[in-house]
Protein backbone atom coordinates (compact mmCIF):
# COMPACT_ATOMS: atom_id res chain seq x y z
CA MET A 1 -9.05 18.05 53.83
CA ILE A 2 -11.27 15.25 52.80
CA TYR A 3 -12.53 17.65 50.22
CA ALA A 4 -9.04 18.43 48.78
CA PHE A 5 -8.54 14.59 48.77
CA LEU A 6 -11.47 13.83 46.75
CA ILE A 7 -10.82 16.71 44.29
CA ASP A 8 -7.45 15.02 43.67
CA ILE A 9 -8.94 11.69 42.99
CA LEU A 10 -11.53 13.02 40.95
CA VAL A 11 -8.80 14.94 38.70
CA LEU A 12 -6.76 11.41 38.59
CA LEU A 13 -9.81 9.57 37.49
CA ILE A 14 -10.24 12.19 34.80
CA TRP A 15 -6.93 12.25 33.84
CA SER A 16 -6.68 8.51 33.70
CA SER A 17 -9.71 8.39 31.53
CA GLN A 18 -8.40 10.85 29.17
CA TYR A 19 -4.92 9.21 28.56
CA GLN A 20 -5.74 5.60 29.77
CA TRP A 21 -1.98 5.13 30.27
CA TRP A 22 -2.66 1.76 31.99
CA ARG A 23 -3.30 0.35 28.78
CA ARG A 24 -0.88 -2.43 27.83
CA THR A 25 2.42 -1.90 25.78
CA ILE A 26 2.18 -3.33 22.24
CA SER A 27 5.39 -5.36 21.32
CA TYR A 28 8.32 -3.16 20.04
CA GLN A 29 8.57 -5.89 17.85
CA HIS A 30 6.05 -4.10 15.64
CA PRO A 31 6.87 -0.93 13.89
CA ARG A 32 5.22 2.36 14.76
CA ILE A 33 3.94 4.55 11.94
CA LEU A 34 3.34 8.09 12.93
CA MET A 35 1.19 10.43 10.79
CA TYR A 36 2.04 14.12 10.63
CA HIS A 37 0.62 16.71 8.34
CA MET A 38 2.49 20.30 9.22
CA VAL A 39 5.37 21.22 11.35
CA SER A 40 4.55 24.61 12.17
CA GLN A 41 3.57 27.07 14.84
CA HIS A 42 -0.23 27.04 15.92
CA ARG A 43 -2.20 30.06 14.34
CA PRO A 44 -4.56 32.10 16.36
CA GLY A 45 -8.31 31.07 15.69
CA ALA A 46 -7.16 28.39 13.37
CA LYS A 47 -9.31 25.36 12.82
CA PHE A 48 -6.44 23.10 12.10
CA ASN A 49 -4.07 23.72 14.68
CA LYS A 50 -4.03 20.03 15.57
CA LEU A 51 -2.53 19.22 12.30
CA ARG A 52 0.61 21.91 13.36
CA VAL A 53 3.15 20.45 15.57
CA PRO A 54 5.37 23.19 16.57
CA PRO A 55 8.77 23.10 15.29
CA GLU A 56 10.24 23.04 19.04
CA GLN A 57 8.00 20.16 19.93
CA PHE A 58 8.64 18.36 16.70
CA GLU A 59 12.26 18.44 17.45
CA ARG A 60 11.58 17.13 21.18
CA GLN A 61 9.73 14.20 19.48
CA ILE A 62 12.60 13.25 17.11
CA ALA A 63 15.38 13.75 19.59
CA TYR A 64 13.45 11.44 21.88
CA LEU A 65 13.33 8.69 19.19
CA ALA A 66 16.90 8.99 18.33
CA GLU A 67 17.99 9.05 21.89
CA ASN A 68 16.20 6.10 22.86
CA GLY A 69 16.83 3.22 20.57
CA TRP A 70 14.56 3.81 17.93
CA THR A 71 15.24 2.96 14.23
CA PHE A 72 14.05 5.14 11.53
CA ALA A 73 12.75 3.61 8.58
CA HIS A 74 10.82 4.85 5.29
CA MET A 75 7.67 2.88 4.30
CA SER A 76 9.27 0.82 1.61
CA GLU A 77 11.63 -0.94 4.17
CA LEU A 78 8.49 -2.41 5.81
CA ALA A 79 9.02 -5.07 3.20
CA LYS A 80 12.24 -6.46 4.76
CA PRO A 81 13.05 -7.46 8.56
CA LEU A 82 13.37 -4.67 10.59
CA PRO A 83 14.87 -4.26 14.35
CA GLU A 84 12.84 -3.87 17.50
CA LYS A 85 11.60 -0.21 18.17
CA THR A 86 11.50 0.74 14.44
CA VAL A 87 9.41 3.69 13.68
CA VAL A 88 8.12 5.02 10.28
CA LEU A 89 7.46 8.85 10.17
CA THR A 90 4.81 9.90 7.61
CA PHE A 91 3.55 13.35 6.42
CA ASP A 92 0.40 13.82 4.50
CA ASP A 93 -0.45 16.36 1.91
CA GLY A 94 2.69 18.23 0.94
CA TYR A 95 3.19 21.49 3.02
CA ARG A 96 6.18 23.39 2.53
CA ASP A 97 6.80 23.65 6.21
CA ASN A 98 7.82 19.79 5.85
CA LEU A 99 10.93 21.18 3.98
CA ILE A 100 11.61 24.44 6.05
CA HIS A 101 11.02 22.91 9.46
CA ALA A 102 10.99 19.13 9.41
CA THR A 103 14.03 18.39 7.29
CA PRO A 104 16.57 20.16 9.15
CA VAL A 105 15.49 18.02 12.34
CA LEU A 106 15.35 15.03 10.28
CA GLU A 107 18.90 15.52 8.88
CA ARG A 108 20.08 16.50 12.35
CA TYR A 109 18.98 13.24 14.00
CA LYS A 110 19.54 11.02 10.95
CA ALA A 111 16.11 10.28 10.67
CA LYS A 112 13.74 9.31 7.72
CA ALA A 113 10.30 10.21 6.55
CA THR A 114 7.93 9.45 3.90
CA LEU A 115 6.10 12.09 2.17
CA TYR A 116 2.47 11.55 0.89
CA LEU A 117 2.42 14.09 -1.67
CA VAL A 118 -0.86 15.10 -3.29
CA VAL A 119 -0.31 15.88 -6.98
CA ASP A 120 -2.51 18.67 -7.80
CA ARG A 121 -2.00 20.33 -4.58
CA PHE A 122 -2.26 24.15 -5.12
CA GLU A 123 -5.33 26.25 -4.88
CA ARG A 124 -7.09 23.46 -3.56
CA ASP A 125 -9.47 23.61 -0.38
CA TRP A 126 -9.62 19.88 0.03
CA SER A 127 -11.17 20.09 3.18
CA THR A 128 -14.46 20.59 1.93
CA ALA A 129 -14.30 17.19 0.01
CA LYS A 130 -15.15 15.75 3.45
CA LYS A 131 -17.31 18.47 4.88
CA ALA A 132 -18.73 20.90 2.69
CA HIS A 133 -18.94 23.68 5.43
CA HIS A 134 -15.06 23.33 6.04
CA ASP A 135 -14.87 26.10 3.56
CA SER A 136 -12.58 28.72 5.40
CA GLY A 137 -9.66 27.93 2.75
CA GLU A 138 -7.28 27.72 5.51
CA LEU A 139 -5.67 24.64 3.99
CA MET A 140 -5.68 25.93 0.73
CA GLN A 141 -3.87 29.06 1.96
CA GLU A 142 -1.01 26.80 3.48
CA PRO A 143 2.15 27.03 1.71
CA LYS A 144 2.73 23.65 -0.47
CA LEU A 145 5.65 22.39 -1.85
CA SER A 146 6.94 22.98 -5.43
CA ASP A 147 8.08 19.98 -7.60
CA ASP A 148 11.68 21.39 -7.28
CA GLU A 149 11.49 21.35 -3.72
CA VAL A 150 10.22 17.81 -3.50
CA LYS A 151 13.17 16.83 -5.81
CA GLY A 152 15.83 18.44 -3.67
CA MET A 153 14.14 16.50 -0.37
CA LEU A 154 14.28 13.28 -2.30
CA ALA A 155 17.86 13.61 -3.38
CA SER A 156 18.70 13.97 0.37
CA GLN A 157 17.73 10.46 0.63
CA VAL A 158 16.06 11.52 4.04
CA TRP A 159 12.40 11.50 2.28
CA GLU A 160 10.82 8.72 0.32
CA LEU A 161 7.95 9.58 -1.72
CA GLY A 162 4.45 8.03 -1.41
CA ALA A 163 1.42 8.75 -3.31
CA HIS A 164 -1.96 10.64 -1.76
CA THR A 165 -4.18 10.86 -4.94
CA LEU A 166 -4.42 13.46 -7.71
CA THR A 167 -6.45 15.96 -6.06
CA HIS A 168 -6.98 14.60 -2.23
CA ALA A 169 -10.02 13.40 -3.18
CA ASN A 170 -12.84 11.71 -0.94
CA LEU A 171 -12.46 8.26 -2.66
CA PRO A 172 -15.91 6.53 -1.68
CA VAL A 173 -18.07 9.39 -3.20
CA THR A 174 -15.78 9.58 -6.34
CA ALA A 175 -17.13 8.21 -9.30
CA GLU A 176 -15.49 5.68 -11.91
CA PRO A 177 -13.32 6.13 -13.81
CA LYS A 178 -12.24 9.17 -11.95
CA ARG A 179 -11.59 6.95 -8.65
CA THR A 180 -9.13 4.88 -10.61
CA GLN A 181 -7.48 8.14 -12.28
CA GLU A 182 -7.23 9.25 -8.63
CA ILE A 183 -5.28 6.24 -7.24
CA SER A 184 -3.33 4.93 -10.13
CA GLY A 185 -3.08 8.00 -11.90
CA GLY A 186 -1.76 9.78 -9.01
CA ARG A 187 0.86 7.23 -8.79
CA GLU A 188 1.78 7.39 -12.40
CA ALA A 189 1.98 11.21 -12.41
CA LEU A 190 4.17 10.89 -9.24
CA GLN A 191 6.59 8.41 -10.88
CA GLN A 192 6.94 10.40 -14.06
CA SER A 193 7.56 13.74 -12.30
CA PHE A 194 10.08 12.58 -9.77
CA ASP A 195 11.42 9.44 -11.60
CA GLN A 196 11.24 7.03 -8.72
CA ASP A 197 9.28 4.30 -7.90
CA VAL A 198 6.13 5.03 -5.40
CA PRO A 199 5.70 1.83 -3.31
CA SER A 200 3.08 3.31 -0.95
CA PHE A 201 -0.13 5.08 -0.50
CA ALA A 202 -2.39 7.24 1.93
CA TYR A 203 -5.90 7.49 1.61
CA PRO A 204 -7.14 10.95 1.66
CA PHE A 205 -8.98 11.98 4.97
CA GLY A 206 -8.62 8.26 6.03
CA ILE A 207 -11.89 7.51 4.27
CA TYR A 208 -12.14 4.41 2.12
CA ASN A 209 -13.87 1.38 1.27
CA ALA A 210 -13.17 -2.29 -0.03
CA GLU A 211 -13.26 -1.08 -3.68
CA ASP A 212 -10.90 1.61 -2.90
CA VAL A 213 -8.42 -1.10 -1.47
CA ARG A 214 -9.00 -3.32 -4.48
CA LEU A 215 -7.96 -0.44 -6.65
CA THR A 216 -4.91 0.54 -4.54
CA GLU A 217 -3.60 -3.14 -4.92
CA GLN A 218 -4.50 -2.82 -8.68
CA ALA A 219 -2.40 0.17 -8.76
CA GLY A 220 0.71 -1.91 -7.76
CA PHE A 221 1.11 -0.54 -4.13
CA ASP A 222 2.82 -2.49 -1.73
CA PHE A 223 1.57 -0.61 1.54
CA ALA A 224 -1.31 2.13 2.09
CA VAL A 225 -1.94 3.71 5.35
CA THR A 226 -5.07 4.95 6.94
CA THR A 227 -6.11 7.30 9.76
CA GLN A 228 -7.24 4.37 12.19
CA GLU A 229 -5.39 4.72 15.29
CA GLY A 230 -3.08 1.70 16.31
CA ILE A 231 -0.13 -0.49 15.70
CA ASP A 232 -0.48 -3.74 13.41
CA PRO A 233 1.14 -6.63 14.33
CA LEU A 234 3.73 -8.35 12.17
CA PRO A 235 3.45 -9.97 9.62
CA TYR A 236 0.55 -7.76 8.16
CA ALA A 237 -2.71 -9.23 7.65
CA LYS A 238 -3.77 -5.97 5.70
CA PRO A 239 -0.69 -4.14 4.30
CA LEU A 240 -3.31 -1.89 2.38
CA GLU A 241 -4.90 -1.04 5.60
CA LEU A 242 -2.19 -0.15 8.10
CA LYS A 243 -2.99 1.76 11.33
CA ARG A 244 -0.87 4.97 12.23
CA ILE A 245 -0.34 6.72 15.28
CA LYS A 246 -1.69 10.43 15.15
CA ILE A 247 0.52 13.17 16.44
CA SER A 248 -1.45 16.33 17.58
CA GLY A 249 0.27 19.60 17.73
CA LYS A 250 -2.04 20.21 20.81
CA GLU A 251 0.03 17.60 22.99
CA GLY A 252 3.04 17.43 24.66
CA LEU A 253 5.73 14.68 24.85
CA TRP A 254 4.31 12.84 27.66
CA SER A 255 1.33 11.83 25.43
CA PHE A 256 3.64 11.20 22.42
CA LYS A 257 5.78 8.73 24.77
CA LEU A 258 2.29 6.97 25.53
CA ARG A 259 1.14 6.72 22.27
CA LEU A 260 4.56 5.07 21.04
CA ARG A 261 3.64 2.54 23.60
CA THR A 262 -0.05 1.84 23.15
CA GLY A 263 -0.37 2.94 19.54
CA ARG A 264 -3.22 5.37 20.83
CA ARG A 265 -4.24 8.03 23.05
CA LYS A 266 -7.41 6.28 24.47
């Protein structure tokens, strides 16, 4: 009996350490920016399954938000007053499953999302730009959105366009003038291709330095997002270095609710 009790206590301590449910709730006056990549089923043995949120799991998340008083907004709307419990959904890179699996769910629940699109996204294994040994080709082989598909998504007004560089470059190790071309040129290319403003930017891999922030401001972006976990309080002290809540494909709805509350998993 005592042994079983001690096991229960140990499990509770491990669970509490893993999820840290006791963290204080960040005021719902501050918008939550969620970070997604793919909405697709996991692949056996795949390295990047944490970036794949299964479609049924994604729908549970969006349904929860819609049914619990959350307001969906695009990144550009952060420039204006927003109601409590505002959430901004962001999708990095430009995977085709964003159209196939995410868009119908977003439409069904009258939600919005911002797409951070890599301009030159085809036949690129950009994971090697972060770590050379990540050369499996997994992300290169993942189907990407065509320009025509992106145009259709934008026409629905469900999606807003954001920039994610020309080639998903690792910016701090990219020399000038290529670094400026990646940031400013990426924005200009998207604006020309899709005939609309591109007000926000996502740093590839979440890797950046002070010079990248300066170039992002110089390029004319109003907001930029990182991969640093958390919720920034309003008014934004660093609108070009906004935190996001990472949504993992390997966690359930309870963890999703916890992240909305605290901004982080641990």
